[in-house]
Amino acid sequence: MGAHLVSHFFVKVGSPKAVAFFVALLPTVIDVRHLEWVGYLQLSAATMVLIPPITLTYAALADRVRGFLSSKKARSVVNKGAGAVMIGAGAGVMAG
C-alpha cells in the first residue's frame, strides 16, 4: 500500500493542475522563503492525505455520470444541449 500511495502522490503532484497550484497559489498563502524542512514535510503529508480522497470522489462522480449517460435518452439530451451551445457560440462569433 505504501508504494502505491507514494506513486500516486508523484503522479498527482506532477499533473499540470497541481503544478499550477504549487507555483501560483501556494506562495500567496505560505511564505516559502521562510519555510523549514518540517514545513515541507507537513505540506507533503497534507498533500498525500488530501489528494487520494479528492481523486476517489472524482472517480465516483465520473462513474455515476457514465451510468447516467449510458441511456440513449440521456445521450440525446446531452447532444442536443451541446449542439445548442455550439450554435450559440457560432452566433456570438458572427455577431462579434
Protein backbone atom coordinates (compact mmCIF):
# COMPACT_ATOMS: atom_id res chain seq x y z
CA MET A 1 0.00 0.00 0.00
CA GLY A 2 2.82 2.44 0.81
CA ALA A 3 4.36 2.13 -2.65
CA HIS A 4 1.00 2.83 -4.27
CA LEU A 5 0.50 5.90 -2.11
CA VAL A 6 3.92 7.28 -2.99
CA SER A 7 3.49 6.63 -6.72
CA HIS A 8 0.01 8.18 -6.63
CA PHE A 9 1.48 11.21 -4.85
CA PHE A 10 4.12 11.73 -7.53
CA VAL A 11 1.64 11.27 -10.39
CA LYS A 12 -0.72 13.83 -8.86
CA VAL A 13 1.99 16.33 -7.90
CA GLY A 14 3.31 16.12 -11.47
CA SER A 15 -0.04 16.95 -13.01
CA PRO A 16 -0.44 20.41 -14.55
CA LYS A 17 -3.19 21.40 -12.12
CA ALA A 18 -1.03 20.54 -9.13
CA VAL A 19 1.97 22.35 -10.60
CA ALA A 20 -0.17 25.43 -11.22
CA PHE A 21 -1.39 25.30 -7.63
CA PHE A 22 2.05 24.90 -6.10
CA VAL A 23 3.67 27.54 -8.32
CA ALA A 24 0.91 30.15 -8.45
CA LEU A 25 -1.34 29.83 -5.43
CA LEU A 26 0.68 28.25 -2.63
CA PRO A 27 3.22 31.10 -2.30
CA THR A 28 0.37 33.54 -1.75
CA VAL A 29 -0.79 31.53 1.27
CA ILE A 30 2.53 30.29 2.68
CA ASP A 31 5.79 32.22 2.70
CA VAL A 32 8.03 29.57 1.14
CA ARG A 33 11.18 31.65 1.66
CA HIS A 34 10.92 31.09 5.41
CA LEU A 35 9.66 27.52 5.27
CA GLU A 36 11.87 24.99 7.06
CA TRP A 37 12.19 21.29 6.29
CA VAL A 38 9.49 20.44 8.85
CA GLY A 39 7.09 22.69 6.96
CA TYR A 40 7.91 20.93 3.70
CA LEU A 41 7.24 17.59 5.39
CA GLN A 42 3.92 18.89 6.70
CA LEU A 43 2.89 20.14 3.25
CA SER A 44 3.89 16.82 1.68
CA ALA A 45 1.94 14.87 4.30
CA ALA A 46 -1.12 17.06 3.86
CA THR A 47 -0.93 16.59 0.09
CA MET A 48 -0.56 12.83 0.42
CA VAL A 49 -3.56 12.69 2.75
CA LEU A 50 -5.88 15.05 0.85
CA ILE A 51 -5.31 14.19 -2.80
CA PRO A 52 -6.38 10.49 -2.76
CA PRO A 53 -9.89 11.10 -1.35
CA ILE A 54 -10.40 14.01 -3.75
CA THR A 55 -9.35 11.83 -6.68
CA LEU A 56 -11.60 8.99 -5.49
CA THR A 57 -14.50 11.44 -5.29
CA TYR A 58 -13.85 12.49 -8.89
CA ALA A 59 -13.76 8.81 -9.92
CA ALA A 60 -17.05 8.08 -8.12
CA LEU A 61 -18.75 11.06 -9.77
CA ALA A 62 -17.42 10.02 -13.17
CA ASP A 63 -18.82 6.53 -12.62
CA ARG A 64 -22.24 7.96 -11.80
CA VAL A 65 -22.17 10.20 -14.88
CA ARG A 66 -21.13 7.24 -17.02
CA GLY A 67 -24.10 5.31 -15.66
CA PHE A 68 -26.38 8.24 -16.43
CA LEU A 69 -25.03 8.70 -19.95
CA SER A 70 -25.37 5.01 -20.80
CA SER A 71 -29.05 5.52 -21.64
CA LYS A 72 -29.92 6.59 -25.16
CA LYS A 73 -32.32 9.29 -23.96
CA ALA A 74 -29.65 10.94 -21.75
CA ARG A 75 -27.11 10.94 -24.60
CA SER A 76 -29.71 12.55 -26.85
CA VAL A 77 -30.39 15.30 -24.30
CA VAL A 78 -26.66 15.95 -23.81
CA ASN A 79 -26.02 16.01 -27.57
CA LYS A 80 -28.88 18.46 -28.16
CA GLY A 81 -27.65 20.68 -25.34
CA ALA A 82 -24.10 20.65 -26.70
CA GLY A 83 -25.44 21.46 -30.16
CA ALA A 84 -27.40 24.41 -28.79
CA VAL A 85 -24.27 25.71 -27.04
CA MET A 86 -22.26 25.41 -30.27
CA ILE A 87 -24.96 27.22 -32.25
CA GLY A 88 -24.97 29.96 -29.63
CA ALA A 89 -21.17 30.24 -29.80
CA GLY A 90 -21.31 30.45 -33.59
CA ALA A 91 -23.95 33.16 -33.41
CA GLY A 92 -21.82 35.05 -30.93
CA VAL A 93 -18.79 34.86 -33.23
CA MET A 94 -20.86 36.05 -36.19
CA ALA A 95 -22.28 38.96 -34.20
CA GLY A 96 -18.89 39.98 -32.80
